[in-house]
PDB file of N, CA and C in Angstrom:
ATOM      1  N   MET A   1     -11.124 123.574   7.808  1.00  0.00           N
ATOM      2  CA  MET A   1     -12.447 123.906   8.284  1.00  0.00           C
ATOM      3  C   MET A   1     -12.655 123.141   9.596  1.00  0.00           C
ATOM      4  N   LEU A   2     -12.956 123.827  10.685  1.00  0.00           N
ATOM      5  CA  LEU A   2     -13.305 123.212  11.944  1.00  0.00           C
ATOM      6  C   LEU A   2     -14.828 123.187  12.057  1.00  0.00           C
ATOM      7  N   VAL A   3     -15.355 121.997  12.392  1.00  0.00           N
ATOM      8  CA  VAL A   3     -16.783 121.804  12.549  1.00  0.00           C
ATOM      9  C   VAL A   3     -17.057 121.336  13.982  1.00  0.00           C
ATOM     10  N   GLU A   4     -17.795 122.088  14.720  1.00  0.00           N
ATOM     11  CA  GLU A   4     -18.150 121.682  16.064  1.00  0.00           C
ATOM     12  C   GLU A   4     -18.922 120.414  16.062  1.00  0.00           C
ATOM     13  N   GLY A   5     -18.531 119.436  16.881  1.00  0.00           N
ATOM     14  CA  GLY A   5     -19.244 118.190  16.947  1.00  0.00           C
ATOM     15  C   GLY A   5     -18.854 117.130  15.942  1.00  0.00           C
ATOM     16  N   MET A   6     -17.811 117.446  15.147  1.00  0.00           N
ATOM     17  CA  MET A   6     -17.350 116.472  14.114  1.00  0.00           C
ATOM     18  C   MET A   6     -16.043 115.815  14.595  1.00  0.00           C
ATOM     19  N   ASN A   7     -15.966 114.514  14.468  1.00  0.00           N
ATOM     20  CA  ASN A   7     -14.753 113.826  14.859  1.00  0.00           C
ATOM     21  C   ASN A   7     -13.779 113.695  13.660  1.00  0.00           C
ATOM     22  N   HIS A   8     -12.670 113.008  13.893  1.00  0.00           N
ATOM     23  CA  HIS A   8     -11.661 112.875  12.798  1.00  0.00           C
ATOM     24  C   HIS A   8     -12.044 111.935  11.681  1.00  0.00           C
ATOM     25  N   VAL A   9     -13.163 111.226  11.743  1.00  0.00           N
ATOM     26  CA  VAL A   9     -13.648 110.488  10.628  1.00  0.00           C
ATOM     27  C   VAL A   9     -14.814 111.210   9.957  1.00  0.00           C
ATOM     28  N   LEU A  10     -14.926 112.501  10.238  1.00  0.00           N
ATOM     29  CA  LEU A  10     -15.850 113.449   9.581  1.00  0.00           C
ATOM     30  C   LEU A  10     -17.302 113.144   9.869  1.00  0.00           C
ATOM     31  N   LYS A  11     -17.598 112.491  10.979  1.00  0.00           N
ATOM     32  CA  LYS A  11     -18.956 112.161  11.348  1.00  0.00           C
ATOM     33  C   LYS A  11     -19.381 113.053  12.536  1.00  0.00           C
ATOM     34  N   GLU A  12     -20.688 113.286  12.631  1.00  0.00           N
ATOM     35  CA  GLU A  12     -21.196 114.080  13.786  1.00  0.00           C
ATOM     36  C   GLU A  12     -21.358 113.155  14.975  1.00  0.00           C
ATOM     37  N   VAL A  13     -20.679 113.478  16.048  1.00  0.00           N
ATOM     38  CA  VAL A  13     -20.718 112.650  17.236  1.00  0.00           C
ATOM     39  C   VAL A  13     -20.769 113.481  18.510  1.00  0.00           C
ATOM     40  N   GLN A  14     -21.283 112.935  19.563  1.00  0.00           N
ATOM     41  CA  GLN A  14     -21.296 113.596  20.851  1.00  0.00           C
ATOM     42  C   GLN A  14     -20.713 112.644  21.852  1.00  0.00           C
ATOM     43  N   GLY A  15     -20.103 113.155  22.892  1.00  0.00           N
ATOM     44  CA  GLY A  15     -19.622 112.276  23.934  1.00  0.00           C
ATOM     45  C   GLY A  15     -18.146 111.963  23.866  1.00  0.00           C
ATOM     46  N   ASP A  16     -17.748 111.055  24.726  1.00  0.00           N
ATOM     47  CA  ASP A  16     -16.314 110.652  24.873  1.00  0.00           C
ATOM     48  C   ASP A  16     -15.944 109.658  23.773  1.00  0.00           C
ATOM     49  N   ARG A  17     -14.733 109.162  23.828  1.00  0.00           N
ATOM     50  CA  ARG A  17     -14.224 108.234  22.780  1.00  0.00           C
ATOM     51  C   ARG A  17     -15.075 107.014  22.736  1.00  0.00           C
ATOM     52  N   LEU A  18     -15.519 106.496  23.869  1.00  0.00           N
ATOM     53  CA  LEU A  18     -16.337 105.288  23.849  1.00  0.00           C
ATOM     54  C   LEU A  18     -17.641 105.532  23.099  1.00  0.00           C
ATOM     55  N   ALA A  19     -18.273 106.663  23.236  1.00  0.00           N
ATOM     56  CA  ALA A  19     -19.516 106.982  22.525  1.00  0.00           C
ATOM     57  C   ALA A  19     -19.261 107.177  21.047  1.00  0.00           C
ATOM     58  N   GLN A  20     -18.032 107.492  20.618  1.00  0.00           N
ATOM     59  CA  GLN A  20     -17.705 107.734  19.262  1.00  0.00           C
ATOM     60  C   GLN A  20     -17.397 106.453  18.475  1.00  0.00           C
ATOM     61  N   LEU A  21     -17.097 105.347  19.181  1.00  0.00           N
ATOM     62  CA  LEU A  21     -16.699 104.125  18.502  1.00  0.00           C
ATOM     63  C   LEU A  21     -17.593 103.712  17.325  1.00  0.00           C
ATOM     64  N   PRO A  22     -18.953 103.756  17.443  1.00  0.00           N
ATOM     65  CA  PRO A  22     -19.751 103.362  16.285  1.00  0.00           C
ATOM     66  C   PRO A  22     -19.470 104.146  15.017  1.00  0.00           C
ATOM     67  N   SER A  23     -19.028 105.422  15.174  1.00  0.00           N
ATOM     68  CA  SER A  23     -18.776 106.246  13.986  1.00  0.00           C
ATOM     69  C   SER A  23     -17.622 105.703  13.174  1.00  0.00           C
ATOM     70  N   TYR A  24     -16.733 104.892  13.741  1.00  0.00           N
ATOM     71  CA  TYR A  24     -15.596 104.393  13.051  1.00  0.00           C
ATOM     72  C   TYR A  24     -16.000 103.193  12.136  1.00  0.00           C
ATOM     73  N   PHE A  25     -17.046 102.517  12.467  1.00  0.00           N
ATOM     74  CA  PHE A  25     -17.390 101.302  11.747  1.00  0.00           C
ATOM     75  C   PHE A  25     -18.715 101.307  11.018  1.00  0.00           C
ATOM     76  N   ASP A  26     -19.610 102.238  11.333  1.00  0.00           N
ATOM     77  CA  ASP A  26     -20.943 102.270  10.721  1.00  0.00           C
ATOM     78  C   ASP A  26     -20.919 103.137   9.421  1.00  0.00           C
ATOM     79  N   ARG A  27     -20.886 102.417   8.289  1.00  0.00           N
ATOM     80  CA  ARG A  27     -20.802 103.116   7.003  1.00  0.00           C
ATOM     81  C   ARG A  27     -22.058 103.875   6.670  1.00  0.00           C
ATOM     82  N   GLU A  28     -23.157 103.593   7.399  1.00  0.00           N
ATOM     83  CA  GLU A  28     -24.431 104.225   7.167  1.00  0.00           C
ATOM     84  C   GLU A  28     -24.523 105.648   7.763  1.00  0.00           C
ATOM     85  N   LEU A  29     -23.608 105.955   8.661  1.00  0.00           N
ATOM     86  CA  LEU A  29     -23.615 107.291   9.285  1.00  0.00           C
ATOM     87  C   LEU A  29     -23.151 108.299   8.222  1.00  0.00           C
ATOM     88  N   PRO A  30     -23.919 109.358   8.059  1.00  0.00           N
ATOM     89  CA  PRO A  30     -23.532 110.394   7.022  1.00  0.00           C
ATOM     90  C   PRO A  30     -22.384 111.242   7.528  1.00  0.00           C
ATOM     91  N   LEU A  31     -21.728 111.873   6.586  1.00  0.00           N
ATOM     92  CA  LEU A  31     -20.756 112.926   6.926  1.00  0.00           C
ATOM     93  C   LEU A  31     -21.506 114.036   7.652  1.00  0.00           C
ATOM     94  N   HIS A  32     -20.788 114.767   8.509  1.00  0.00           N
ATOM     95  CA  HIS A  32     -21.395 115.907   9.210  1.00  0.00           C
ATOM     96  C   HIS A  32     -21.970 116.878   8.150  1.00  0.00           C
ATOM     97  N   GLU A  33     -23.215 117.278   8.367  1.00  0.00           N
ATOM     98  CA  GLU A  33     -23.851 118.085   7.305  1.00  0.00           C
ATOM     99  C   GLU A  33     -23.221 119.481   7.167  1.00  0.00           C
ATOM    100  N   ASP A  34     -22.612 120.001   8.250  1.00  0.00           N
ATOM    101  CA  ASP A  34     -21.945 121.314   8.133  1.00  0.00           C
ATOM    102  C   ASP A  34     -20.660 121.196   7.289  1.00  0.00           C
ATOM    103  N   LEU A  35     -20.027 120.030   7.335  1.00  0.00           N
ATOM    104  CA  LEU A  35     -18.861 119.780   6.484  1.00  0.00           C
ATOM    105  C   LEU A  35     -19.298 119.760   5.024  1.00  0.00           C
ATOM    106  N   VAL A  36     -20.370 118.988   4.757  1.00  0.00           N
ATOM    107  CA  VAL A  36     -20.853 118.872   3.386  1.00  0.00           C
ATOM    108  C   VAL A  36     -21.237 120.309   2.865  1.00  0.00           C
ATOM    109  N   ALA A  37     -21.908 121.081   3.654  1.00  0.00           N
ATOM    110  CA  ALA A  37     -22.280 122.443   3.217  1.00  0.00           C
ATOM    111  C   ALA A  37     -21.051 123.271   2.981  1.00  0.00           C
ATOM    112  N   GLY A  38     -20.060 123.191   3.806  1.00  0.00           N
ATOM    113  CA  GLY A  38     -18.815 123.939   3.636  1.00  0.00           C
ATOM    114  C   GLY A  38     -18.062 123.521   2.387  1.00  0.00           C
ATOM    115  N   MET A  39     -18.059 122.222   2.107  1.00  0.00           N
ATOM    116  CA  MET A  39     -17.390 121.729   0.906  1.00  0.00           C
ATOM    117  C   MET A  39     -18.086 122.205  -0.337  1.00  0.00           C
ATOM    118  N   MET A  40     -19.419 122.191  -0.320  1.00  0.00           N
ATOM    119  CA  MET A  40     -20.206 122.676  -1.468  1.00  0.00           C
ATOM    120  C   MET A  40     -19.954 124.177  -1.662  1.00  0.00           C
ATOM    121  N   GLU A  41     -19.922 124.935  -0.613  1.00  0.00           N
ATOM    122  CA  GLU A  41     -19.653 126.363  -0.709  1.00  0.00           C
ATOM    123  C   GLU A  41     -18.274 126.626  -1.331  1.00  0.00           C
ATOM    124  N   PHE A  42     -17.294 125.856  -0.887  1.00  0.00           N
ATOM    125  CA  PHE A  42     -15.946 125.980  -1.450  1.00  0.00           C
ATOM    126  C   PHE A  42     -15.903 125.642  -2.923  1.00  0.00           C
ATOM    127  N   ILE A  43     -16.534 124.523  -3.299  1.00  0.00           N
ATOM    128  CA  ILE A  43     -16.553 124.107  -4.706  1.00  0.00           C
ATOM    129  C   ILE A  43     -17.278 125.107  -5.577  1.00  0.00           C
ATOM    130  N   ASN A  44     -18.389 125.615  -5.105  1.00  0.00           N
ATOM    131  CA  ASN A  44     -19.137 126.626  -5.881  1.00  0.00           C
ATOM    132  C   ASN A  44     -18.371 127.922  -6.016  1.00  0.00           C
ATOM    133  N   ALA A  45     -17.507 128.260  -5.067  1.00  0.00           N
ATOM    134  CA  ALA A  45     -16.733 129.482  -5.170  1.00  0.00           C
ATOM    135  C   ALA A  45     -15.616 129.362  -6.221  1.00  0.00           C
ATOM    136  N   LEU A  46     -15.297 128.181  -6.654  1.00  0.00           N
ATOM    137  CA  LEU A  46     -14.272 127.948  -7.671  1.00  0.00           C
ATOM    138  C   LEU A  46     -14.712 128.408  -9.059  1.00  0.00           C
ATOM    139  N   ASP A  47     -16.016 128.519  -9.257  1.00  0.00           N
ATOM    140  CA  ASP A  47     -16.506 128.887 -10.615  1.00  0.00           C
ATOM    141  C   ASP A  47     -16.200 130.287 -10.975  1.00  0.00           C
TER     142      ASP A  47
END
């Protein structure tokens, strides 16, 4: 699943690599909400 605006640590980020650095260390940042929605859709389709 490709999510626009999501980096490789599954967080929503904008900007260059320097702007993304906080996403690597801040545990309070949530996962990208489109990823969570896609995962839930996939899991629900398994039923």
